[in-house]
PDB file of N, CA and C in Angstrom:
ATOM      1  N   MET A   1       0.843  -1.177   0.000  1.00  0.00           N
ATOM      2  CA  MET A   1       0.000   0.000   0.000  1.00  0.00           C
ATOM      3  C   MET A   1       0.890   1.242   0.000  1.00  0.00           C
ATOM      4  N   THR A   2       0.583   2.185  -0.862  1.00  0.00           N
ATOM      5  CA  THR A   2       1.387   3.399  -0.926  1.00  0.00           C
ATOM      6  C   THR A   2       1.143   4.265   0.308  1.00  0.00           C
ATOM      7  N   GLU A   3       2.062   5.161   0.554  1.00  0.00           N
ATOM      8  CA  GLU A   3       1.922   6.103   1.670  1.00  0.00           C
ATOM      9  C   GLU A   3       0.644   6.935   1.536  1.00  0.00           C
ATOM     10  N   LYS A   4       0.342   7.349   0.322  1.00  0.00           N
ATOM     11  CA  LYS A   4      -0.866   8.135   0.067  1.00  0.00           C
ATOM     12  C   LYS A   4      -2.120   7.320   0.397  1.00  0.00           C
ATOM     13  N   ASP A   5      -2.163   6.070  -0.058  1.00  0.00           N
ATOM     14  CA  ASP A   5      -3.304   5.197   0.231  1.00  0.00           C
ATOM     15  C   ASP A   5      -3.435   4.940   1.731  1.00  0.00           C
ATOM     16  N   LEU A   6      -2.301   4.734   2.373  1.00  0.00           N
ATOM     17  CA  LEU A   6      -2.305   4.447   3.797  1.00  0.00           C
ATOM     18  C   LEU A   6      -2.809   5.648   4.613  1.00  0.00           C
ATOM     19  N   THR A   7      -2.319   6.836   4.305  1.00  0.00           N
ATOM     20  CA  THR A   7      -2.795   8.008   5.044  1.00  0.00           C
ATOM     21  C   THR A   7      -4.277   8.259   4.768  1.00  0.00           C
ATOM     22  N   TYR A   8      -4.723   7.942   3.569  1.00  0.00           N
ATOM     23  CA  TYR A   8      -6.150   8.077   3.248  1.00  0.00           C
ATOM     24  C   TYR A   8      -6.980   7.126   4.121  1.00  0.00           C
ATOM     25  N   GLN A   9      -6.540   5.878   4.240  1.00  0.00           N
ATOM     26  CA  GLN A   9      -7.253   4.899   5.058  1.00  0.00           C
ATOM     27  C   GLN A   9      -7.279   5.322   6.537  1.00  0.00           C
ATOM     28  N   ILE A  10      -6.169   5.862   7.004  1.00  0.00           N
ATOM     29  CA  ILE A  10      -6.104   6.316   8.397  1.00  0.00           C
ATOM     30  C   ILE A  10      -7.055   7.490   8.610  1.00  0.00           C
ATOM     31  N   ARG A  11      -7.060   8.431   7.672  1.00  0.00           N
ATOM     32  CA  ARG A  11      -7.961   9.585   7.788  1.00  0.00           C
ATOM     33  C   ARG A  11      -9.421   9.133   7.799  1.00  0.00           C
ATOM     34  N   ARG A  12      -9.757   8.171   6.966  1.00  0.00           N
ATOM     35  CA  ARG A  12     -11.129   7.636   6.959  1.00  0.00           C
ATOM     36  C   ARG A  12     -11.475   7.036   8.317  1.00  0.00           C
ATOM     37  N   ALA A  13     -10.525   6.301   8.910  1.00  0.00           N
ATOM     38  CA  ALA A  13     -10.749   5.701  10.226  1.00  0.00           C
ATOM     39  C   ALA A  13     -10.946   6.784  11.294  1.00  0.00           C
ATOM     40  N   VAL A  14     -10.148   7.840  11.214  1.00  0.00           N
ATOM     41  CA  VAL A  14     -10.285   8.960  12.154  1.00  0.00           C
ATOM     42  C   VAL A  14     -11.675   9.579  12.024  1.00  0.00           C
ATOM     43  N   TRP A  15     -12.097   9.815  10.794  1.00  0.00           N
ATOM     44  CA  TRP A  15     -13.426  10.401  10.560  1.00  0.00           C
ATOM     45  C   TRP A  15     -14.531   9.500  11.088  1.00  0.00           C
ATOM     46  N   ASP A  16     -14.393   8.201  10.896  1.00  0.00           N
ATOM     47  CA  ASP A  16     -15.399   7.264  11.411  1.00  0.00           C
ATOM     48  C   ASP A  16     -15.522   7.399  12.934  1.00  0.00           C
ATOM     49  N   VAL A  17     -14.388   7.442  13.612  1.00  0.00           N
ATOM     50  CA  VAL A  17     -14.394   7.580  15.071  1.00  0.00           C
ATOM     51  C   VAL A  17     -15.020   8.909  15.476  1.00  0.00           C
ATOM     52  N   TYR A  18     -14.601   9.976  14.815  1.00  0.00           N
ATOM     53  CA  TYR A  18     -15.092  11.308  15.175  1.00  0.00           C
ATOM     54  C   TYR A  18     -16.599  11.440  14.929  1.00  0.00           C
ATOM     55  N   ASN A  19     -17.064  10.891  13.826  1.00  0.00           N
ATOM     56  CA  ASN A  19     -18.493  11.001  13.502  1.00  0.00           C
ATOM     57  C   ASN A  19     -19.378  10.290  14.521  1.00  0.00           C
ATOM     58  N   ILE A  20     -18.863   9.250  15.145  1.00  0.00           N
ATOM     59  CA  ILE A  20     -19.643   8.530  16.144  1.00  0.00           C
ATOM     60  C   ILE A  20     -19.456   9.117  17.547  1.00  0.00           C
ATOM     61  N   LEU A  21     -18.218   9.403  17.933  1.00  0.00           N
ATOM     62  CA  LEU A  21     -17.951   9.841  19.303  1.00  0.00           C
ATOM     63  C   LEU A  21     -17.981  11.360  19.492  1.00  0.00           C
ATOM     64  N   GLY A  22     -17.690  12.116  18.424  1.00  0.00           N
ATOM     65  CA  GLY A  22     -17.650  13.570  18.565  1.00  0.00           C
ATOM     66  C   GLY A  22     -16.459  14.027  19.398  1.00  0.00           C
ATOM     67  N   PRO A  23     -16.374  15.332  19.675  1.00  0.00           N
ATOM     68  CA  PRO A  23     -15.251  15.877  20.433  1.00  0.00           C
ATOM     69  C   PRO A  23     -15.461  15.771  21.938  1.00  0.00           C
ATOM     70  N   GLY A  24     -14.368  15.900  22.688  1.00  0.00           N
ATOM     71  CA  GLY A  24     -14.469  16.101  24.124  1.00  0.00           C
ATOM     72  C   GLY A  24     -14.193  14.924  25.028  1.00  0.00           C
ATOM     73  N   LEU A  25     -13.873  13.750  24.481  1.00  0.00           N
ATOM     74  CA  LEU A  25     -13.564  12.598  25.321  1.00  0.00           C
ATOM     75  C   LEU A  25     -12.059  12.527  25.587  1.00  0.00           C
ATOM     76  N   LEU A  26     -11.649  11.575  26.401  1.00  0.00           N
ATOM     77  CA  LEU A  26     -10.234  11.368  26.678  1.00  0.00           C
ATOM     78  C   LEU A  26      -9.529  10.762  25.475  1.00  0.00           C
ATOM     79  N   GLU A  27      -8.249  11.069  25.344  1.00  0.00           N
ATOM     80  CA  GLU A  27      -7.442  10.524  24.246  1.00  0.00           C
ATOM     81  C   GLU A  27      -7.480   9.002  24.233  1.00  0.00           C
ATOM     82  N   SER A  28      -7.456   8.391  25.397  1.00  0.00           N
ATOM     83  CA  SER A  28      -7.421   6.921  25.477  1.00  0.00           C
ATOM     84  C   SER A  28      -8.668   6.296  24.855  1.00  0.00           C
ATOM     85  N   ILE A  29      -9.800   6.956  24.951  1.00  0.00           N
ATOM     86  CA  ILE A  29     -11.029   6.441  24.345  1.00  0.00           C
ATOM     87  C   ILE A  29     -10.936   6.507  22.826  1.00  0.00           C
ATOM     88  N   TYR A  30     -10.442   7.636  22.318  1.00  0.00           N
ATOM     89  CA  TYR A  30     -10.266   7.766  20.871  1.00  0.00           C
ATOM     90  C   TYR A  30      -9.244   6.756  20.360  1.00  0.00           C
ATOM     91  N   GLU A  31      -8.192   6.531  21.130  1.00  0.00           N
ATOM     92  CA  GLU A  31      -7.172   5.564  20.725  1.00  0.00           C
ATOM     93  C   GLU A  31      -7.779   4.166  20.603  1.00  0.00           C
ATOM     94  N   GLU A  32      -8.567   3.782  21.584  1.00  0.00           N
ATOM     95  CA  GLU A  32      -9.217   2.470  21.561  1.00  0.00           C
ATOM     96  C   GLU A  32     -10.134   2.333  20.341  1.00  0.00           C
ATOM     97  N   ALA A  33     -10.941   3.350  20.088  1.00  0.00           N
ATOM     98  CA  ALA A  33     -11.872   3.315  18.952  1.00  0.00           C
ATOM     99  C   ALA A  33     -11.116   3.318  17.625  1.00  0.00           C
ATOM    100  N   LEU A  34     -10.045   4.112  17.537  1.00  0.00           N
ATOM    101  CA  LEU A  34      -9.271   4.169  16.306  1.00  0.00           C
ATOM    102  C   LEU A  34      -8.582   2.828  16.042  1.00  0.00           C
ATOM    103  N   CYS A  35      -8.103   2.181  17.069  1.00  0.00           N
ATOM    104  CA  CYS A  35      -7.504   0.857  16.896  1.00  0.00           C
ATOM    105  C   CYS A  35      -8.530  -0.120  16.336  1.00  0.00           C
ATOM    106  N   TYR A  36      -9.732  -0.051  16.816  1.00  0.00           N
ATOM    107  CA  TYR A  36     -10.795  -0.897  16.299  1.00  0.00           C
ATOM    108  C   TYR A  36     -11.011  -0.638  14.803  1.00  0.00           C
ATOM    109  N   GLU A  37     -11.095   0.649  14.422  1.00  0.00           N
ATOM    110  CA  GLU A  37     -11.315   1.001  13.012  1.00  0.00           C
ATOM    111  C   GLU A  37     -10.156   0.558  12.127  1.00  0.00           C
ATOM    112  N   LEU A  38      -8.937   0.735  12.601  1.00  0.00           N
ATOM    113  CA  LEU A  38      -7.765   0.306  11.821  1.00  0.00           C
ATOM    114  C   LEU A  38      -7.784  -1.206  11.632  1.00  0.00           C
ATOM    115  N   GLN A  39      -8.136  -1.908  12.688  1.00  0.00           N
ATOM    116  CA  GLN A  39      -8.225  -3.371  12.611  1.00  0.00           C
ATOM    117  C   GLN A  39      -9.299  -3.787  11.602  1.00  0.00           C
ATOM    118  N   GLN A  40     -10.442  -3.104  11.610  1.00  0.00           N
ATOM    119  CA  GLN A  40     -11.528  -3.406  10.676  1.00  0.00           C
ATOM    120  C   GLN A  40     -11.084  -3.175   9.228  1.00  0.00           C
ATOM    121  N   LYS A  41     -10.173  -2.260   9.012  1.00  0.00           N
ATOM    122  CA  LYS A  41      -9.674  -1.970   7.670  1.00  0.00           C
ATOM    123  C   LYS A  41      -8.514  -2.889   7.284  1.00  0.00           C
ATOM    124  N   GLY A  42      -8.151  -3.791   8.185  1.00  0.00           N
ATOM    125  CA  GLY A  42      -7.082  -4.746   7.895  1.00  0.00           C
ATOM    126  C   GLY A  42      -5.692  -4.151   7.988  1.00  0.00           C
ATOM    127  N   LEU A  43      -5.539  -3.043   8.702  1.00  0.00           N
ATOM    128  CA  LEU A  43      -4.237  -2.398   8.840  1.00  0.00           C
ATOM    129  C   LEU A  43      -3.517  -2.908  10.083  1.00  0.00           C
ATOM    130  N   ARG A  44      -2.228  -3.160   9.928  1.00  0.00           N
ATOM    131  CA  ARG A  44      -1.396  -3.559  11.062  1.00  0.00           C
ATOM    132  C   ARG A  44      -0.979  -2.305  11.823  1.00  0.00           C
ATOM    133  N   PHE A  45      -0.939  -2.394  13.144  1.00  0.00           N
ATOM    134  CA  PHE A  45      -0.511  -1.246  13.935  1.00  0.00           C
ATOM    135  C   PHE A  45       0.084  -1.708  15.261  1.00  0.00           C
ATOM    136  N   GLU A  46       0.891  -0.846  15.826  1.00  0.00           N
ATOM    137  CA  GLU A  46       1.427  -1.044  17.171  1.00  0.00           C
ATOM    138  C   GLU A  46       0.908   0.104  18.016  1.00  0.00           C
ATOM    139  N   ARG A  47       0.438  -0.228  19.191  1.00  0.00           N
ATOM    140  CA  ARG A  47      -0.164   0.760  20.090  1.00  0.00           C
ATOM    141  C   ARG A  47       0.768   0.996  21.278  1.00  0.00           C
ATOM    142  N   GLN A  48       0.948   2.274  21.643  1.00  0.00           N
ATOM    143  CA  GLN A  48       1.815   2.646  22.764  1.00  0.00           C
ATOM    144  C   GLN A  48       3.204   2.021  22.613  1.00  0.00           C
ATOM    145  N   LYS A  49       3.749   2.186  21.419  1.00  0.00           N
ATOM    146  CA  LYS A  49       5.068   1.626  21.091  1.00  0.00           C
ATOM    147  C   LYS A  49       6.168   2.401  21.812  1.00  0.00           C
ATOM    148  N   GLN A  50       6.994   1.664  22.510  1.00  0.00           N
ATOM    149  CA  GLN A  50       8.115   2.284  23.205  1.00  0.00           C
ATOM    150  C   GLN A  50       9.161   2.729  22.189  1.00  0.00           C
ATOM    151  N   ILE A  51       9.708   3.901  22.425  1.00  0.00           N
ATOM    152  CA  ILE A  51      10.723   4.468  21.542  1.00  0.00           C
ATOM    153  C   ILE A  51      12.064   4.423  22.263  1.00  0.00           C
ATOM    154  N   PRO A  52      13.026   3.697  21.714  1.00  0.00           N
ATOM    155  CA  PRO A  52      14.340   3.669  22.365  1.00  0.00           C
ATOM    156  C   PRO A  52      15.062   5.007  22.183  1.00  0.00           C
ATOM    157  N   ILE A  53      15.691   5.455  23.231  1.00  0.00           N
ATOM    158  CA  ILE A  53      16.483   6.683  23.191  1.00  0.00           C
ATOM    159  C   ILE A  53      17.948   6.263  23.301  1.00  0.00           C
ATOM    160  N   ILE A  54      18.687   6.491  22.220  1.00  0.00           N
ATOM    161  CA  ILE A  54      20.107   6.126  22.177  1.00  0.00           C
ATOM    162  C   ILE A  54      20.930   7.395  22.386  1.00  0.00           C
ATOM    163  N   TYR A  55      21.805   7.334  23.365  1.00  0.00           N
ATOM    164  CA  TYR A  55      22.680   8.472  23.662  1.00  0.00           C
ATOM    165  C   TYR A  55      24.119   7.975  23.734  1.00  0.00           C
ATOM    166  N   LYS A  56      24.945   8.459  22.825  1.00  0.00           N
ATOM    167  CA  LYS A  56      26.359   8.073  22.771  1.00  0.00           C
ATOM    168  C   LYS A  56      26.543   6.558  22.822  1.00  0.00           C
ATOM    169  N   GLY A  57      25.672   5.868  22.060  1.00  0.00           N
ATOM    170  CA  GLY A  57      25.818   4.426  21.930  1.00  0.00           C
ATOM    171  C   GLY A  57      25.146   3.591  23.002  1.00  0.00           C
ATOM    172  N   ILE A  58      24.550   4.239  23.995  1.00  0.00           N
ATOM    173  CA  ILE A  58      23.851   3.461  25.016  1.00  0.00           C
ATOM    174  C   ILE A  58      22.347   3.753  24.944  1.00  0.00           C
ATOM    175  N   THR A  59      21.567   2.783  25.326  1.00  0.00           N
ATOM    176  CA  THR A  59      20.122   2.967  25.369  1.00  0.00           C
ATOM    177  C   THR A  59      19.742   3.472  26.757  1.00  0.00           C
ATOM    178  N   LEU A  60      19.150   4.652  26.768  1.00  0.00           N
ATOM    179  CA  LEU A  60      18.748   5.246  28.038  1.00  0.00           C
ATOM    180  C   LEU A  60      17.510   4.544  28.586  1.00  0.00           C
ATOM    181  N   ASN A  61      17.440   4.479  29.885  1.00  0.00           N
ATOM    182  CA  ASN A  61      16.280   3.905  30.550  1.00  0.00           C
ATOM    183  C   ASN A  61      15.157   4.944  30.517  1.00  0.00           C
ATOM    184  N   SER A  62      14.213   4.753  29.606  1.00  0.00           N
ATOM    185  CA  SER A  62      13.113   5.709  29.486  1.00  0.00           C
ATOM    186  C   SER A  62      11.837   4.964  29.121  1.00  0.00           C
ATOM    187  N   ASP A  63      10.735   5.610  29.344  1.00  0.00           N
ATOM    188  CA  ASP A  63       9.442   5.035  28.999  1.00  0.00           C
ATOM    189  C   ASP A  63       8.759   5.957  27.993  1.00  0.00           C
ATOM    190  N   TYR A  64       9.493   6.312  26.949  1.00  0.00           N
ATOM    191  CA  TYR A  64       9.016   7.221  25.918  1.00  0.00           C
ATOM    192  C   TYR A  64       8.193   6.412  24.918  1.00  0.00           C
ATOM    193  N   ARG A  65       6.925   6.775  24.729  1.00  0.00           N
ATOM    194  CA  ARG A  65       6.027   5.984  23.874  1.00  0.00           C
ATOM    195  C   ARG A  65       5.262   6.865  22.906  1.00  0.00           C
ATOM    196  N   LEU A  66       5.019   6.313  21.720  1.00  0.00           N
ATOM    197  CA  LEU A  66       4.146   6.991  20.767  1.00  0.00           C
ATOM    198  C   LEU A  66       2.780   6.326  20.817  1.00  0.00           C
ATOM    199  N   ASP A  67       1.767   7.015  20.311  1.00  0.00           N
ATOM    200  CA  ASP A  67       0.409   6.476  20.393  1.00  0.00           C
ATOM    201  C   ASP A  67       0.211   5.292  19.449  1.00  0.00           C
ATOM    202  N   LEU A  68       0.412   5.512  18.143  1.00  0.00           N
ATOM    203  CA  LEU A  68       0.190   4.440  17.165  1.00  0.00           C
ATOM    204  C   LEU A  68       1.223   4.507  16.047  1.00  0.00           C
ATOM    205  N   LEU A  69       1.669   3.342  15.615  1.00  0.00           N
ATOM    206  CA  LEU A  69       2.506   3.207  14.426  1.00  0.00           C
ATOM    207  C   LEU A  69       1.756   2.262  13.494  1.00  0.00           C
ATOM    208  N   VAL A  70       1.364   2.762  12.331  1.00  0.00           N
ATOM    209  CA  VAL A  70       0.537   2.000  11.405  1.00  0.00           C
ATOM    210  C   VAL A  70       1.390   1.487  10.243  1.00  0.00           C
ATOM    211  N   GLU A  71       1.281   0.173  10.018  1.00  0.00           N
ATOM    212  CA  GLU A  71       1.997  -0.497   8.918  1.00  0.00           C
ATOM    213  C   GLU A  71       3.502  -0.179   8.931  1.00  0.00           C
ATOM    214  N   ASP A  72       4.042   0.040  10.119  1.00  0.00           N
ATOM    215  CA  ASP A  72       5.463   0.360  10.300  1.00  0.00           C
ATOM    216  C   ASP A  72       5.900   1.562   9.455  1.00  0.00           C
ATOM    217  N   GLN A  73       4.952   2.443   9.131  1.00  0.00           N
ATOM    218  CA  GLN A  73       5.263   3.601   8.288  1.00  0.00           C
ATOM    219  C   GLN A  73       4.796   4.932   8.866  1.00  0.00           C
ATOM    220  N   ILE A  74       3.556   4.981   9.323  1.00  0.00           N
ATOM    221  CA  ILE A  74       2.929   6.246   9.700  1.00  0.00           C
ATOM    222  C   ILE A  74       2.741   6.294  11.212  1.00  0.00           C
ATOM    223  N   ILE A  75       3.277   7.336  11.832  1.00  0.00           N
ATOM    224  CA  ILE A  75       3.096   7.549  13.264  1.00  0.00           C
ATOM    225  C   ILE A  75       1.872   8.442  13.462  1.00  0.00           C
ATOM    226  N   ILE A  76       1.019   8.037  14.386  1.00  0.00           N
ATOM    227  CA  ILE A  76      -0.155   8.838  14.714  1.00  0.00           C
ATOM    228  C   ILE A  76      -0.030   9.293  16.158  1.00  0.00           C
ATOM    229  N   GLU A  77      -0.098  10.592  16.350  1.00  0.00           N
ATOM    230  CA  GLU A  77      -0.099  11.174  17.691  1.00  0.00           C
ATOM    231  C   GLU A  77      -1.487  11.738  17.935  1.00  0.00           C
ATOM    232  N   LEU A  78      -2.153  11.240  18.970  1.00  0.00           N
ATOM    233  CA  LEU A  78      -3.527  11.631  19.260  1.00  0.00           C
ATOM    234  C   LEU A  78      -3.582  12.675  20.366  1.00  0.00           C
ATOM    235  N   LYS A  79      -4.459  13.631  20.185  1.00  0.00           N
ATOM    236  CA  LYS A  79      -4.726  14.663  21.185  1.00  0.00           C
ATOM    237  C   LYS A  79      -6.233  14.856  21.287  1.00  0.00           C
ATOM    238  N   SER A  80      -6.644  15.387  22.423  1.00  0.00           N
ATOM    239  CA  SER A  80      -8.026  15.800  22.615  1.00  0.00           C
ATOM    240  C   SER A  80      -7.980  17.095  23.413  1.00  0.00           C
ATOM    241  N   VAL A  81      -7.607  18.159  22.712  1.00  0.00           N
ATOM    242  CA  VAL A  81      -7.363  19.453  23.354  1.00  0.00           C
ATOM    243  C   VAL A  81      -8.089  20.565  22.603  1.00  0.00           C
ATOM    244  N   GLU A  82      -8.247  21.695  23.272  1.00  0.00           N
ATOM    245  CA  GLU A  82      -8.898  22.843  22.637  1.00  0.00           C
ATOM    246  C   GLU A  82      -8.059  23.418  21.508  1.00  0.00           C
ATOM    247  N   GLU A  83      -6.752  23.398  21.704  1.00  0.00           N
ATOM    248  CA  GLU A  83      -5.854  24.050  20.750  1.00  0.00           C
ATOM    249  C   GLU A  83      -4.572  23.248  20.587  1.00  0.00           C
ATOM    250  N   ILE A  84      -4.157  23.073  19.352  1.00  0.00           N
ATOM    251  CA  ILE A  84      -2.885  22.406  19.072  1.00  0.00           C
ATOM    252  C   ILE A  84      -1.748  23.390  19.343  1.00  0.00           C
ATOM    253  N   LYS A  85      -0.809  22.956  20.146  1.00  0.00           N
ATOM    254  CA  LYS A  85       0.349  23.775  20.520  1.00  0.00           C
ATOM    255  C   LYS A  85       1.561  23.368  19.675  1.00  0.00           C
ATOM    256  N   PRO A  86       2.492  24.289  19.460  1.00  0.00           N
ATOM    257  CA  PRO A  86       3.705  23.959  18.686  1.00  0.00           C
ATOM    258  C   PRO A  86       4.477  22.764  19.248  1.00  0.00           C
ATOM    259  N   ILE A  87       4.434  22.562  20.549  1.00  0.00           N
ATOM    260  CA  ILE A  87       5.168  21.448  21.153  1.00  0.00           C
ATOM    261  C   ILE A  87       4.671  20.101  20.640  1.00  0.00           C
ATOM    262  N   PHE A  88       3.404  20.005  20.252  1.00  0.00           N
ATOM    263  CA  PHE A  88       2.864  18.745  19.736  1.00  0.00           C
ATOM    264  C   PHE A  88       3.510  18.380  18.400  1.00  0.00           C
ATOM    265  N   TYR A  89       3.776  19.385  17.551  1.00  0.00           N
ATOM    266  CA  TYR A  89       4.476  19.139  16.285  1.00  0.00           C
ATOM    267  C   TYR A  89       5.911  18.696  16.560  1.00  0.00           C
ATOM    268  N   LYS A  90       6.549  19.358  17.511  1.00  0.00           N
ATOM    269  CA  LYS A  90       7.929  18.998  17.864  1.00  0.00           C
ATOM    270  C   LYS A  90       7.985  17.567  18.380  1.00  0.00           C
ATOM    271  N   GLN A  91       7.018  17.197  19.202  1.00  0.00           N
ATOM    272  CA  GLN A  91       6.948  15.850  19.745  1.00  0.00           C
ATOM    273  C   GLN A  91       6.847  14.827  18.611  1.00  0.00           C
ATOM    274  N   LEU A  92       5.953  15.062  17.660  1.00  0.00           N
ATOM    275  CA  LEU A  92       5.781  14.126  16.549  1.00  0.00           C
ATOM    276  C   LEU A  92       7.028  14.080  15.672  1.00  0.00           C
ATOM    277  N   ARG A  93       7.641  15.218  15.408  1.00  0.00           N
ATOM    278  CA  ARG A  93       8.876  15.229  14.610  1.00  0.00           C
ATOM    279  C   ARG A  93       9.984  14.437  15.307  1.00  0.00           C
ATOM    280  N   THR A  94      10.049  14.550  16.629  1.00  0.00           N
ATOM    281  CA  THR A  94      11.051  13.793  17.388  1.00  0.00           C
ATOM    282  C   THR A  94      10.795  12.300  17.259  1.00  0.00           C
ATOM    283  N   TYR A  95       9.552  11.875  17.367  1.00  0.00           N
ATOM    284  CA  TYR A  95       9.218  10.459  17.178  1.00  0.00           C
ATOM    285  C   TYR A  95       9.654   9.991  15.793  1.00  0.00           C
ATOM    286  N   LEU A  96       9.342  10.774  14.786  1.00  0.00           N
ATOM    287  CA  LEU A  96       9.713  10.422  13.414  1.00  0.00           C
ATOM    288  C   LEU A  96      11.221  10.269  13.281  1.00  0.00           C
ATOM    289  N   ARG A  97      11.948  11.236  13.824  1.00  0.00           N
ATOM    290  CA  ARG A  97      13.414  11.205  13.733  1.00  0.00           C
ATOM    291  C   ARG A  97      13.987   9.997  14.469  1.00  0.00           C
ATOM    292  N   LEU A  98      13.513   9.750  15.702  1.00  0.00           N
ATOM    293  CA  LEU A  98      14.060   8.651  16.502  1.00  0.00           C
ATOM    294  C   LEU A  98      13.780   7.278  15.895  1.00  0.00           C
ATOM    295  N   LEU A  99      12.674   7.142  15.187  1.00  0.00           N
ATOM    296  CA  LEU A  99      12.324   5.849  14.579  1.00  0.00           C
ATOM    297  C   LEU A  99      12.623   5.797  13.085  1.00  0.00           C
ATOM    298  N   ASN A 100      13.250   6.854  12.562  1.00  0.00           N
ATOM    299  CA  ASN A 100      13.608   6.923  11.150  1.00  0.00           C
ATOM    300  C   ASN A 100      12.394   6.707  10.247  1.00  0.00           C
ATOM    301  N   LYS A 101      11.306   7.393  10.571  1.00  0.00           N
ATOM    302  CA  LYS A 101      10.083   7.389   9.759  1.00  0.00           C
ATOM    303  C   LYS A 101       9.949   8.768   9.125  1.00  0.00           C
ATOM    304  N   HIS A 102       9.085   8.873   8.123  1.00  0.00           N
ATOM    305  CA  HIS A 102       9.015  10.122   7.371  1.00  0.00           C
ATOM    306  C   HIS A 102       7.684  10.847   7.448  1.00  0.00           C
ATOM    307  N   VAL A 103       6.616  10.144   7.840  1.00  0.00           N
ATOM    308  CA  VAL A 103       5.286  10.753   7.848  1.00  0.00           C
ATOM    309  C   VAL A 103       4.581  10.462   9.166  1.00  0.00           C
ATOM    310  N   GLY A 104       3.983  11.526   9.700  1.00  0.00           N
ATOM    311  CA  GLY A 104       3.177  11.374  10.900  1.00  0.00           C
ATOM    312  C   GLY A 104       1.891  12.162  10.757  1.00  0.00           C
ATOM    313  N   LEU A 105       0.889  11.749  11.504  1.00  0.00           N
ATOM    314  CA  LEU A 105      -0.378  12.476  11.553  1.00  0.00           C
ATOM    315  C   LEU A 105      -0.637  12.874  12.999  1.00  0.00           C
ATOM    316  N   LEU A 106      -0.834  14.169  13.191  1.00  0.00           N
ATOM    317  CA  LEU A 106      -1.234  14.705  14.477  1.00  0.00           C
ATOM    318  C   LEU A 106      -2.739  14.883  14.411  1.00  0.00           C
ATOM    319  N   VAL A 107      -3.462  14.173  15.262  1.00  0.00           N
ATOM    320  CA  VAL A 107      -4.921  14.152  15.211  1.00  0.00           C
ATOM    321  C   VAL A 107      -5.470  14.740  16.505  1.00  0.00           C
ATOM    322  N   ASN A 108      -6.268  15.781  16.371  1.00  0.00           N
ATOM    323  CA  ASN A 108      -6.879  16.412  17.539  1.00  0.00           C
ATOM    324  C   ASN A 108      -8.385  16.161  17.543  1.00  0.00           C
ATOM    325  N   PHE A 109      -8.818  15.254  18.409  1.00  0.00           N
ATOM    326  CA  PHE A 109     -10.239  14.961  18.534  1.00  0.00           C
ATOM    327  C   PHE A 109     -10.975  16.038  19.335  1.00  0.00           C
ATOM    328  N   GLY A 110     -10.266  17.045  19.792  1.00  0.00           N
ATOM    329  CA  GLY A 110     -10.899  18.146  20.510  1.00  0.00           C
ATOM    330  C   GLY A 110     -11.492  19.202  19.603  1.00  0.00           C
ATOM    331  N   GLU A 111     -11.265  19.097  18.313  1.00  0.00           N
ATOM    332  CA  GLU A 111     -11.808  20.065  17.344  1.00  0.00           C
ATOM    333  C   GLU A 111     -13.305  19.867  17.164  1.00  0.00           C
ATOM    334  N   TYR A 112     -14.006  20.956  16.949  1.00  0.00           N
ATOM    335  CA  TYR A 112     -15.436  20.850  16.661  1.00  0.00           C
ATOM    336  C   TYR A 112     -15.693  20.513  15.205  1.00  0.00           C
ATOM    337  N   ASP A 113     -14.683  20.686  14.365  1.00  0.00           N
ATOM    338  CA  ASP A 113     -14.785  20.316  12.955  1.00  0.00           C
ATOM    339  C   ASP A 113     -13.516  19.532  12.617  1.00  0.00           C
ATOM    340  N   MET A 114     -13.654  18.244  12.393  1.00  0.00           N
ATOM    341  CA  MET A 114     -12.484  17.385  12.204  1.00  0.00           C
ATOM    342  C   MET A 114     -11.656  17.763  10.993  1.00  0.00           C
ATOM    343  N   LYS A 115     -12.223  18.485  10.020  1.00  0.00           N
ATOM    344  CA  LYS A 115     -11.381  18.898   8.886  1.00  0.00           C
ATOM    345  C   LYS A 115     -10.249  19.815   9.358  1.00  0.00           C
ATOM    346  N   ASN A 116     -10.375  20.384  10.545  1.00  0.00           N
ATOM    347  CA  ASN A 116      -9.315  21.200  11.143  1.00  0.00           C
ATOM    348  C   ASN A 116      -8.529  20.419  12.196  1.00  0.00           C
ATOM    349  N   GLY A 117      -8.780  19.123  12.288  1.00  0.00           N
ATOM    350  CA  GLY A 117      -8.185  18.349  13.356  1.00  0.00           C
ATOM    351  C   GLY A 117      -7.128  17.332  12.953  1.00  0.00           C
ATOM    352  N   ILE A 118      -6.811  17.245  11.665  1.00  0.00           N
ATOM    353  CA  ILE A 118      -5.802  16.288  11.206  1.00  0.00           C
ATOM    354  C   ILE A 118      -4.673  17.056  10.520  1.00  0.00           C
ATOM    355  N   TYR A 119      -3.466  16.906  11.045  1.00  0.00           N
ATOM    356  CA  TYR A 119      -2.305  17.607  10.511  1.00  0.00           C
ATOM    357  C   TYR A 119      -1.253  16.594  10.101  1.00  0.00           C
ATOM    358  N   ARG A 120      -0.748  16.738   8.905  1.00  0.00           N
ATOM    359  CA  ARG A 120       0.309  15.860   8.420  1.00  0.00           C
ATOM    360  C   ARG A 120       1.646  16.504   8.707  1.00  0.00           C
ATOM    361  N   VAL A 121       2.595  15.685   9.178  1.00  0.00           N
ATOM    362  CA  VAL A 121       3.941  16.147   9.464  1.00  0.00           C
ATOM    363  C   VAL A 121       4.894  15.254   8.695  1.00  0.00           C
ATOM    364  N   ASP A 122       5.736  15.863   7.870  1.00  0.00           N
ATOM    365  CA  ASP A 122       6.738  15.140   7.083  1.00  0.00           C
ATOM    366  C   ASP A 122       8.131  15.598   7.498  1.00  0.00           C
ATOM    367  N   ILE A 123       9.054  14.642   7.510  1.00  0.00           N
ATOM    368  CA  ILE A 123      10.465  15.028   7.688  1.00  0.00           C
ATOM    369  C   ILE A 123      11.296  14.345   6.628  1.00  0.00           C
TER     370      ILE A 123
END
């Protein structure tokens, strides 16, 4: 599946979740529902994937985790906030860099209109 097709499928899954649940719930609820939708679409994903932090050749003891990694290609960072802050983009870019991935989606289920709630981040 191409990157374009994959991001399209993920966006459809996000919309399905948003159309049923609407805004204002906890991120963990949206994560659970989105995992269900991704599974229904036959997409492989890892949930709460630990990210190794390598410093000068050693792996640091950390519990740094991303929300979802879909098909070992696309990182999804979920939020349920009133406003997306610049730090959320930095966080997703850091995940992409540390895992050597190129595309991430920052999804804010706190938006009243989901067309303003999905942001693509490329590195």
